[in-house]
Every structure is written in C-alpha cells, then in structure tokens.
Amino acid sequence: MDVHVKFIGSYERDEAIPSVEVAGKIADVLSASLDYLVGKADKQIDQTLLDKVLSSIQQLPNEDREHIMYAIDGLIQHAKTRLAYKK
C-alpha cells in the first residue's frame, strides 16, 4: 500500500484519519468497500460473488439479461411484501 506501518497503527487507534487515497488502498487490500470500512454499510459485499454473477450475466444476450433483471426485481418485491406482512 506504500503506507508506513506507523501510520497504519495510528489509523487503528483512531489517532489519525487516512486520506481518501490511502483509505481506498486499504479497502482494496481488505476487499471491502469504503462505506463498510467507515461503518456506513450494514453488510460487506462479497466482491468475488458479485464479480462472478455480473460477469456471467454480462456475457448473455440483451434479451436474456432483461429477463434476469425482471425476475430479480420480482423476487425482491416478493420478499419485501412478505416482510411487510410479518410486522
């Protein structure tokens, strides 16, 4: 990362705040998003899974991609509706 270990320790102890550039490098090394590192994201995205799914879908013809997106939207809406009725 080209960051001295002394600075990493100061970041861990909340004695210093890394620059956006350094924070981006830390996120890359940890395979995490900046939102996750600063506590703004509830869950960390599994980048390997996301890359695999996106790569697979992007290789398909447009019509197939549209069908997949339509199906995903329907599944998400169904899950939200089911959760709303549980309350």
PDB file of N, CA and C in Angstrom:
ATOM      1  N   MET A   1       0.810  -1.195   0.000  1.00  0.00           N
ATOM      2  CA  MET A   1       0.000   0.000   0.000  1.00  0.00           C
ATOM      3  C   MET A   1       0.852   1.258   0.000  1.00  0.00           C
ATOM      4  N   ASP A   2       2.119   1.141   0.195  1.00  0.00           N
ATOM      5  CA  ASP A   2       3.008   2.296   0.301  1.00  0.00           C
ATOM      6  C   ASP A   2       2.645   3.201   1.470  1.00  0.00           C
ATOM      7  N   VAL A   3       2.238   2.580   2.577  1.00  0.00           N
ATOM      8  CA  VAL A   3       1.914   3.324   3.798  1.00  0.00           C
ATOM      9  C   VAL A   3       2.765   2.736   4.915  1.00  0.00           C
ATOM     10  N   HIS A   4       3.471   3.581   5.608  1.00  0.00           N
ATOM     11  CA  HIS A   4       4.343   3.117   6.694  1.00  0.00           C
ATOM     12  C   HIS A   4       3.498   2.491   7.805  1.00  0.00           C
ATOM     13  N   VAL A   5       4.007   1.429   8.396  1.00  0.00           N
ATOM     14  CA  VAL A   5       3.292   0.699   9.440  1.00  0.00           C
ATOM     15  C   VAL A   5       2.927   1.610  10.618  1.00  0.00           C
ATOM     16  N   LYS A   6       3.735   2.620  10.859  1.00  0.00           N
ATOM     17  CA  LYS A   6       3.460   3.582  11.936  1.00  0.00           C
ATOM     18  C   LYS A   6       2.110   4.277  11.699  1.00  0.00           C
ATOM     19  N   PHE A   7       1.836   4.610  10.439  1.00  0.00           N
ATOM     20  CA  PHE A   7       0.578   5.276  10.121  1.00  0.00           C
ATOM     21  C   PHE A   7      -0.600   4.321  10.241  1.00  0.00           C
ATOM     22  N   ILE A   8      -0.398   3.080   9.832  1.00  0.00           N
ATOM     23  CA  ILE A   8      -1.473   2.082   9.961  1.00  0.00           C
ATOM     24  C   ILE A   8      -1.878   1.958  11.427  1.00  0.00           C
ATOM     25  N   GLY A   9      -0.900   1.886  12.316  1.00  0.00           N
ATOM     26  CA  GLY A   9      -1.189   1.803  13.745  1.00  0.00           C
ATOM     27  C   GLY A   9      -1.964   3.012  14.243  1.00  0.00           C
ATOM     28  N   SER A  10      -1.607   4.202  13.753  1.00  0.00           N
ATOM     29  CA  SER A  10      -2.322   5.409  14.192  1.00  0.00           C
ATOM     30  C   SER A  10      -3.756   5.421  13.671  1.00  0.00           C
ATOM     31  N   TYR A  11      -3.986   4.829  12.494  1.00  0.00           N
ATOM     32  CA  TYR A  11      -5.354   4.720  11.985  1.00  0.00           C
ATOM     33  C   TYR A  11      -6.165   3.756  12.848  1.00  0.00           C
ATOM     34  N   GLU A  12      -5.551   2.642  13.209  1.00  0.00           N
ATOM     35  CA  GLU A  12      -6.237   1.632  14.025  1.00  0.00           C
ATOM     36  C   GLU A  12      -6.596   2.169  15.405  1.00  0.00           C
ATOM     37  N   ARG A  13      -5.758   3.058  15.947  1.00  0.00           N
ATOM     38  CA  ARG A  13      -6.005   3.617  17.283  1.00  0.00           C
ATOM     39  C   ARG A  13      -6.828   4.904  17.239  1.00  0.00           C
ATOM     40  N   ASP A  14      -7.341   5.254  16.062  1.00  0.00           N
ATOM     41  CA  ASP A  14      -8.116   6.479  15.870  1.00  0.00           C
ATOM     42  C   ASP A  14      -7.338   7.733  16.251  1.00  0.00           C
ATOM     43  N   GLU A  15      -6.037   7.688  16.062  1.00  0.00           N
ATOM     44  CA  GLU A  15      -5.195   8.851  16.329  1.00  0.00           C
ATOM     45  C   GLU A  15      -5.021   9.701  15.068  1.00  0.00           C
ATOM     46  N   ALA A  16      -5.328   9.125  13.919  1.00  0.00           N
ATOM     47  CA  ALA A  16      -5.210   9.828  12.648  1.00  0.00           C
ATOM     48  C   ALA A  16      -6.255   9.263  11.690  1.00  0.00           C
ATOM     49  N   ILE A  17      -6.565  10.061  10.693  1.00  0.00           N
ATOM     50  CA  ILE A  17      -7.525   9.643   9.670  1.00  0.00           C
ATOM     51  C   ILE A  17      -6.782   9.568   8.348  1.00  0.00           C
ATOM     52  N   PRO A  18      -6.878   8.434   7.662  1.00  0.00           N
ATOM     53  CA  PRO A  18      -6.165   8.315   6.382  1.00  0.00           C
ATOM     54  C   PRO A  18      -6.803   9.214   5.318  1.00  0.00           C
ATOM     55  N   SER A  19      -5.997   9.610   4.360  1.00  0.00           N
ATOM     56  CA  SER A  19      -6.536  10.362   3.219  1.00  0.00           C
ATOM     57  C   SER A  19      -7.467   9.441   2.437  1.00  0.00           C
ATOM     58  N   VAL A  20      -8.262  10.024   1.580  1.00  0.00           N
ATOM     59  CA  VAL A  20      -9.167   9.219   0.765  1.00  0.00           C
ATOM     60  C   VAL A  20      -8.369   8.234  -0.091  1.00  0.00           C
ATOM     61  N   GLU A  21      -7.247   8.683  -0.597  1.00  0.00           N
ATOM     62  CA  GLU A  21      -6.399   7.815  -1.423  1.00  0.00           C
ATOM     63  C   GLU A  21      -5.910   6.609  -0.621  1.00  0.00           C
ATOM     64  N   VAL A  22      -5.428   6.851   0.588  1.00  0.00           N
ATOM     65  CA  VAL A  22      -4.935   5.762   1.434  1.00  0.00           C
ATOM     66  C   VAL A  22      -6.094   4.865   1.865  1.00  0.00           C
ATOM     67  N   ALA A  23      -7.229   5.472   2.206  1.00  0.00           N
ATOM     68  CA  ALA A  23      -8.402   4.674   2.599  1.00  0.00           C
ATOM     69  C   ALA A  23      -8.827   3.757   1.455  1.00  0.00           C
ATOM     70  N   GLY A  24      -8.753   4.259   0.237  1.00  0.00           N
ATOM     71  CA  GLY A  24      -9.079   3.429  -0.923  1.00  0.00           C
ATOM     72  C   GLY A  24      -8.130   2.260  -1.068  1.00  0.00           C
ATOM     73  N   LYS A  25      -6.848   2.499  -0.820  1.00  0.00           N
ATOM     74  CA  LYS A  25      -5.866   1.413  -0.885  1.00  0.00           C
ATOM     75  C   LYS A  25      -6.134   0.365   0.200  1.00  0.00           C
ATOM     76  N   ILE A  26      -6.461   0.840   1.400  1.00  0.00           N
ATOM     77  CA  ILE A  26      -6.776  -0.087   2.499  1.00  0.00           C
ATOM     78  C   ILE A  26      -7.997  -0.926   2.131  1.00  0.00           C
ATOM     79  N   ALA A  27      -9.021  -0.285   1.590  1.00  0.00           N
ATOM     80  CA  ALA A  27     -10.236  -1.002   1.188  1.00  0.00           C
ATOM     81  C   ALA A  27      -9.911  -2.051   0.132  1.00  0.00           C
ATOM     82  N   ASP A  28      -9.063  -1.701  -0.828  1.00  0.00           N
ATOM     83  CA  ASP A  28      -8.680  -2.666  -1.872  1.00  0.00           C
ATOM     84  C   ASP A  28      -7.966  -3.875  -1.277  1.00  0.00           C
ATOM     85  N   VAL A  29      -7.028  -3.621  -0.370  1.00  0.00           N
ATOM     86  CA  VAL A  29      -6.267  -4.714   0.244  1.00  0.00           C
ATOM     87  C   VAL A  29      -7.193  -5.628   1.050  1.00  0.00           C
ATOM     88  N   LEU A  30      -8.183  -5.036   1.715  1.00  0.00           N
ATOM     89  CA  LEU A  30      -9.100  -5.823   2.544  1.00  0.00           C
ATOM     90  C   LEU A  30     -10.299  -6.350   1.762  1.00  0.00           C
ATOM     91  N   SER A  31     -10.370  -6.044   0.474  1.00  0.00           N
ATOM     92  CA  SER A  31     -11.528  -6.423  -0.369  1.00  0.00           C
ATOM     93  C   SER A  31     -12.832  -5.972   0.273  1.00  0.00           C
ATOM     94  N   ALA A  32     -12.856  -4.719   0.697  1.00  0.00           N
ATOM     95  CA  ALA A  32     -14.039  -4.148   1.333  1.00  0.00           C
ATOM     96  C   ALA A  32     -14.346  -2.812   0.663  1.00  0.00           C
ATOM     97  N   SER A  33     -15.570  -2.340   0.846  1.00  0.00           N
ATOM     98  CA  SER A  33     -15.922  -1.021   0.330  1.00  0.00           C
ATOM     99  C   SER A  33     -15.547   0.037   1.362  1.00  0.00           C
ATOM    100  N   LEU A  34     -15.384   1.260   0.908  1.00  0.00           N
ATOM    101  CA  LEU A  34     -15.102   2.359   1.843  1.00  0.00           C
ATOM    102  C   LEU A  34     -16.278   2.546   2.798  1.00  0.00           C
ATOM    103  N   ASP A  35     -17.513   2.385   2.298  1.00  0.00           N
ATOM    104  CA  ASP A  35     -18.688   2.500   3.163  1.00  0.00           C
ATOM    105  C   ASP A  35     -18.625   1.501   4.307  1.00  0.00           C
ATOM    106  N   TYR A  36     -18.220   0.294   4.007  1.00  0.00           N
ATOM    107  CA  TYR A  36     -18.126  -0.731   5.045  1.00  0.00           C
ATOM    108  C   TYR A  36     -17.047  -0.377   6.063  1.00  0.00           C
ATOM    109  N   LEU A  37     -15.908   0.114   5.580  1.00  0.00           N
ATOM    110  CA  LEU A  37     -14.814   0.444   6.490  1.00  0.00           C
ATOM    111  C   LEU A  37     -15.172   1.569   7.458  1.00  0.00           C
ATOM    112  N   VAL A  38     -15.964   2.520   7.000  1.00  0.00           N
ATOM    113  CA  VAL A  38     -16.316   3.647   7.879  1.00  0.00           C
ATOM    114  C   VAL A  38     -17.638   3.426   8.604  1.00  0.00           C
ATOM    115  N   GLY A  39     -18.210   2.237   8.452  1.00  0.00           N
ATOM    116  CA  GLY A  39     -19.415   1.898   9.212  1.00  0.00           C
ATOM    117  C   GLY A  39     -20.703   2.402   8.604  1.00  0.00           C
ATOM    118  N   LYS A  40     -20.696   2.772   7.338  1.00  0.00           N
ATOM    119  CA  LYS A  40     -21.906   3.276   6.686  1.00  0.00           C
ATOM    120  C   LYS A  40     -22.696   2.172   5.987  1.00  0.00           C
ATOM    121  N   ALA A  41     -22.116   1.002   5.850  1.00  0.00           N
ATOM    122  CA  ALA A  41     -22.795  -0.119   5.201  1.00  0.00           C
ATOM    123  C   ALA A  41     -23.089  -1.184   6.246  1.00  0.00           C
ATOM    124  N   ASP A  42     -24.286  -1.737   6.183  1.00  0.00           N
ATOM    125  CA  ASP A  42     -24.677  -2.771   7.140  1.00  0.00           C
ATOM    126  C   ASP A  42     -23.899  -4.063   6.942  1.00  0.00           C
ATOM    127  N   LYS A  43     -23.667  -4.403   5.698  1.00  0.00           N
ATOM    128  CA  LYS A  43     -23.015  -5.671   5.387  1.00  0.00           C
ATOM    129  C   LYS A  43     -21.928  -5.443   4.361  1.00  0.00           C
ATOM    130  N   GLN A  44     -20.928  -6.264   4.424  1.00  0.00           N
ATOM    131  CA  GLN A  44     -19.874  -6.208   3.433  1.00  0.00           C
ATOM    132  C   GLN A  44     -20.303  -7.010   2.213  1.00  0.00           C
ATOM    133  N   ILE A  45     -20.085  -6.450   1.056  1.00  0.00           N
ATOM    134  CA  ILE A  45     -20.432  -7.128  -0.188  1.00  0.00           C
ATOM    135  C   ILE A  45     -19.365  -8.157  -0.504  1.00  0.00           C
ATOM    136  N   ASP A  46     -19.804  -9.347  -0.847  1.00  0.00           N
ATOM    137  CA  ASP A  46     -18.878 -10.397  -1.265  1.00  0.00           C
ATOM    138  C   ASP A  46     -18.474 -10.097  -2.697  1.00  0.00           C
ATOM    139  N   GLN A  47     -17.347  -9.429  -2.876  1.00  0.00           N
ATOM    140  CA  GLN A  47     -16.913  -8.964  -4.191  1.00  0.00           C
ATOM    141  C   GLN A  47     -16.685 -10.111  -5.158  1.00  0.00           C
ATOM    142  N   THR A  48     -16.204 -11.246  -4.679  1.00  0.00           N
ATOM    143  CA  THR A  48     -15.972 -12.396  -5.553  1.00  0.00           C
ATOM    144  C   THR A  48     -17.285 -12.894  -6.141  1.00  0.00           C
ATOM    145  N   LEU A  49     -18.295 -13.000  -5.291  1.00  0.00           N
ATOM    146  CA  LEU A  49     -19.612 -13.444  -5.751  1.00  0.00           C
ATOM    147  C   LEU A  49     -20.200 -12.429  -6.723  1.00  0.00           C
ATOM    148  N   LEU A  50     -20.117 -11.160  -6.377  1.00  0.00           N
ATOM    149  CA  LEU A  50     -20.650 -10.110  -7.237  1.00  0.00           C
ATOM    150  C   LEU A  50     -19.975 -10.123  -8.609  1.00  0.00           C
ATOM    151  N   ASP A  51     -18.652 -10.234  -8.626  1.00  0.00           N
ATOM    152  CA  ASP A  51     -17.919 -10.274  -9.889  1.00  0.00           C
ATOM    153  C   ASP A  51     -18.339 -11.462 -10.744  1.00  0.00           C
ATOM    154  N   LYS A  52     -18.510 -12.621 -10.109  1.00  0.00           N
ATOM    155  CA  LYS A  52     -18.893 -13.831 -10.847  1.00  0.00           C
ATOM    156  C   LYS A  52     -20.286 -13.674 -11.458  1.00  0.00           C
ATOM    157  N   VAL A  53     -21.225 -13.174 -10.673  1.00  0.00           N
ATOM    158  CA  VAL A  53     -22.594 -13.020 -11.158  1.00  0.00           C
ATOM    159  C   VAL A  53     -22.637 -11.987 -12.283  1.00  0.00           C
ATOM    160  N   LEU A  54     -22.007 -10.839 -12.058  1.00  0.00           N
ATOM    161  CA  LEU A  54     -22.025  -9.793 -13.081  1.00  0.00           C
ATOM    162  C   LEU A  54     -21.345 -10.243 -14.362  1.00  0.00           C
ATOM    163  N   SER A  55     -20.234 -10.916 -14.227  1.00  0.00           N
ATOM    164  CA  SER A  55     -19.516 -11.403 -15.403  1.00  0.00           C
ATOM    165  C   SER A  55     -20.377 -12.383 -16.190  1.00  0.00           C
ATOM    166  N   SER A  56     -21.030 -13.275 -15.481  1.00  0.00           N
ATOM    167  CA  SER A  56     -21.880 -14.270 -16.145  1.00  0.00           C
ATOM    168  C   SER A  56     -23.055 -13.615 -16.859  1.00  0.00           C
ATOM    169  N   ILE A  57     -23.705 -12.666 -16.188  1.00  0.00           N
ATOM    170  CA  ILE A  57     -24.869 -12.003 -16.778  1.00  0.00           C
ATOM    171  C   ILE A  57     -24.458 -11.126 -17.954  1.00  0.00           C
ATOM    172  N   GLN A  58     -23.336 -10.435 -17.838  1.00  0.00           N
ATOM    173  CA  GLN A  58     -22.911  -9.528 -18.913  1.00  0.00           C
ATOM    174  C   GLN A  58     -22.552 -10.262 -20.189  1.00  0.00           C
ATOM    175  N   GLN A  59     -22.256 -11.529 -20.114  1.00  0.00           N
ATOM    176  CA  GLN A  59     -21.897 -12.306 -21.299  1.00  0.00           C
ATOM    177  C   GLN A  59     -23.129 -12.781 -22.074  1.00  0.00           C
ATOM    178  N   LEU A  60     -24.304 -12.607 -21.476  1.00  0.00           N
ATOM    179  CA  LEU A  60     -25.538 -13.072 -22.115  1.00  0.00           C
ATOM    180  C   LEU A  60     -26.083 -12.027 -23.085  1.00  0.00           C
ATOM    181  N   PRO A  61     -26.921 -12.469 -24.019  1.00  0.00           N
ATOM    182  CA  PRO A  61     -27.578 -11.509 -24.915  1.00  0.00           C
ATOM    183  C   PRO A  61     -28.485 -10.557 -24.125  1.00  0.00           C
ATOM    184  N   ASN A  62     -28.735  -9.372 -24.684  1.00  0.00           N
ATOM    185  CA  ASN A  62     -29.544  -8.357 -24.000  1.00  0.00           C
ATOM    186  C   ASN A  62     -30.901  -8.881 -23.556  1.00  0.00           C
ATOM    187  N   GLU A  63     -31.558  -9.652 -24.400  1.00  0.00           N
ATOM    188  CA  GLU A  63     -32.890 -10.163 -24.061  1.00  0.00           C
ATOM    189  C   GLU A  63     -32.835 -11.036 -22.801  1.00  0.00           C
ATOM    190  N   ASP A  64     -31.828 -11.883 -22.709  1.00  0.00           N
ATOM    191  CA  ASP A  64     -31.683 -12.732 -21.527  1.00  0.00           C
ATOM    192  C   ASP A  64     -31.384 -11.897 -20.286  1.00  0.00           C
ATOM    193  N   ARG A  65     -30.534 -10.885 -20.440  1.00  0.00           N
ATOM    194  CA  ARG A  65     -30.226 -10.003 -19.298  1.00  0.00           C
ATOM    195  C   ARG A  65     -31.478  -9.300 -18.808  1.00  0.00           C
ATOM    196  N   GLU A  66     -32.318  -8.828 -19.733  1.00  0.00           N
ATOM    197  CA  GLU A  66     -33.563  -8.164 -19.355  1.00  0.00           C
ATOM    198  C   GLU A  66     -34.475  -9.125 -18.581  1.00  0.00           C
ATOM    199  N   HIS A  67     -34.550 -10.366 -19.020  1.00  0.00           N
ATOM    200  CA  HIS A  67     -35.383 -11.370 -18.330  1.00  0.00           C
ATOM    201  C   HIS A  67     -34.854 -11.631 -16.913  1.00  0.00           C
ATOM    202  N   ILE A  68     -33.555 -11.725 -16.794  1.00  0.00           N
ATOM    203  CA  ILE A  68     -32.951 -11.961 -15.478  1.00  0.00           C
ATOM    204  C   ILE A  68     -33.232 -10.789 -14.550  1.00  0.00           C
ATOM    205  N   MET A  69     -33.067  -9.562 -15.046  1.00  0.00           N
ATOM    206  CA  MET A  69     -33.333  -8.377 -14.222  1.00  0.00           C
ATOM    207  C   MET A  69     -34.804  -8.318 -13.805  1.00  0.00           C
ATOM    208  N   TYR A  70     -35.703  -8.667 -14.719  1.00  0.00           N
ATOM    209  CA  TYR A  70     -37.133  -8.692 -14.416  1.00  0.00           C
ATOM    210  C   TYR A  70     -37.419  -9.711 -13.315  1.00  0.00           C
ATOM    211  N   ALA A  71     -36.809 -10.883 -13.423  1.00  0.00           N
ATOM    212  CA  ALA A  71     -37.006 -11.928 -12.413  1.00  0.00           C
ATOM    213  C   ALA A  71     -36.441 -11.487 -11.058  1.00  0.00           C
ATOM    214  N   ILE A  72     -35.271 -10.867 -11.058  1.00  0.00           N
ATOM    215  CA  ILE A  72     -34.673 -10.383  -9.803  1.00  0.00           C
ATOM    216  C   ILE A  72     -35.570  -9.330  -9.164  1.00  0.00           C
ATOM    217  N   ASP A  73     -36.053  -8.391  -9.961  1.00  0.00           N
ATOM    218  CA  ASP A  73     -36.957  -7.357  -9.429  1.00  0.00           C
ATOM    219  C   ASP A  73     -38.199  -7.979  -8.796  1.00  0.00           C
ATOM    220  N   GLY A  74     -38.756  -8.986  -9.458  1.00  0.00           N
ATOM    221  CA  GLY A  74     -39.942  -9.662  -8.925  1.00  0.00           C
ATOM    222  C   GLY A  74     -39.650 -10.375  -7.612  1.00  0.00           C
ATOM    223  N   LEU A  75     -38.508 -11.034  -7.516  1.00  0.00           N
ATOM    224  CA  LEU A  75     -38.137 -11.731  -6.288  1.00  0.00           C
ATOM    225  C   LEU A  75     -37.909 -10.754  -5.134  1.00  0.00           C
ATOM    226  N   ILE A  76     -37.275  -9.635  -5.426  1.00  0.00           N
ATOM    227  CA  ILE A  76     -37.045  -8.618  -4.391  1.00  0.00           C
ATOM    228  C   ILE A  76     -38.374  -8.059  -3.907  1.00  0.00           C
ATOM    229  N   GLN A  77     -39.275  -7.740  -4.834  1.00  0.00           N
ATOM    230  CA  GLN A  77     -40.586  -7.200  -4.448  1.00  0.00           C
ATOM    231  C   GLN A  77     -41.359  -8.208  -3.616  1.00  0.00           C
ATOM    232  N   HIS A  78     -41.299  -9.467  -4.008  1.00  0.00           N
ATOM    233  CA  HIS A  78     -41.991 -10.519  -3.248  1.00  0.00           C
ATOM    234  C   HIS A  78     -41.438 -10.608  -1.822  1.00  0.00           C
ATOM    235  N   ALA A  79     -40.135 -10.560  -1.680  1.00  0.00           N
ATOM    236  CA  ALA A  79     -39.504 -10.631  -0.353  1.00  0.00           C
ATOM    237  C   ALA A  79     -39.887  -9.429   0.496  1.00  0.00           C
ATOM    238  N   LYS A  80     -39.890  -8.235  -0.084  1.00  0.00           N
ATOM    239  CA  LYS A  80     -40.289  -7.021   0.661  1.00  0.00           C
ATOM    240  C   LYS A  80     -41.739  -7.094   1.110  1.00  0.00           C
ATOM    241  N   THR A  81     -42.595  -7.589   0.245  1.00  0.00           N
ATOM    242  CA  THR A  81     -44.019  -7.722   0.588  1.00  0.00           C
ATOM    243  C   THR A  81     -44.193  -8.724   1.717  1.00  0.00           C
ATOM    244  N   ARG A  82     -43.511  -9.854   1.622  1.00  0.00           N
ATOM    245  CA  ARG A  82     -43.596 -10.886   2.656  1.00  0.00           C
ATOM    246  C   ARG A  82     -43.123 -10.328   4.006  1.00  0.00           C
ATOM    247  N   LEU A  83     -42.031  -9.577   4.006  1.00  0.00           N
ATOM    248  CA  LEU A  83     -41.523  -8.985   5.237  1.00  0.00           C
ATOM    249  C   LEU A  83     -42.480  -7.943   5.806  1.00  0.00           C
ATOM    250  N   ALA A  84     -43.135  -7.193   4.941  1.00  0.00           N
ATOM    251  CA  ALA A  84     -44.086  -6.169   5.393  1.00  0.00           C
ATOM    252  C   ALA A  84     -45.277  -6.800   6.111  1.00  0.00           C
ATOM    253  N   TYR A  85     -45.710  -7.963   5.640  1.00  0.00           N
ATOM    254  CA  TYR A  85     -46.849  -8.647   6.268  1.00  0.00           C
ATOM    255  C   TYR A  85     -46.471  -9.343   7.562  1.00  0.00           C
ATOM    256  N   LYS A  86     -45.199  -9.591   7.781  1.00  0.00           N
ATOM    257  CA  LYS A  86     -44.747 -10.226   9.021  1.00  0.00           C
ATOM    258  C   LYS A  86     -44.816  -9.277  10.215  1.00  0.00           C
ATOM    259  N   LYS A  87     -44.766  -7.986   9.944  1.00  0.00           N
ATOM    260  CA  LYS A  87     -44.720  -6.989  11.023  1.00  0.00           C
ATOM    261  C   LYS A  87     -45.996  -6.843  11.738  1.00  0.00           C
TER     262      LYS A  87
END
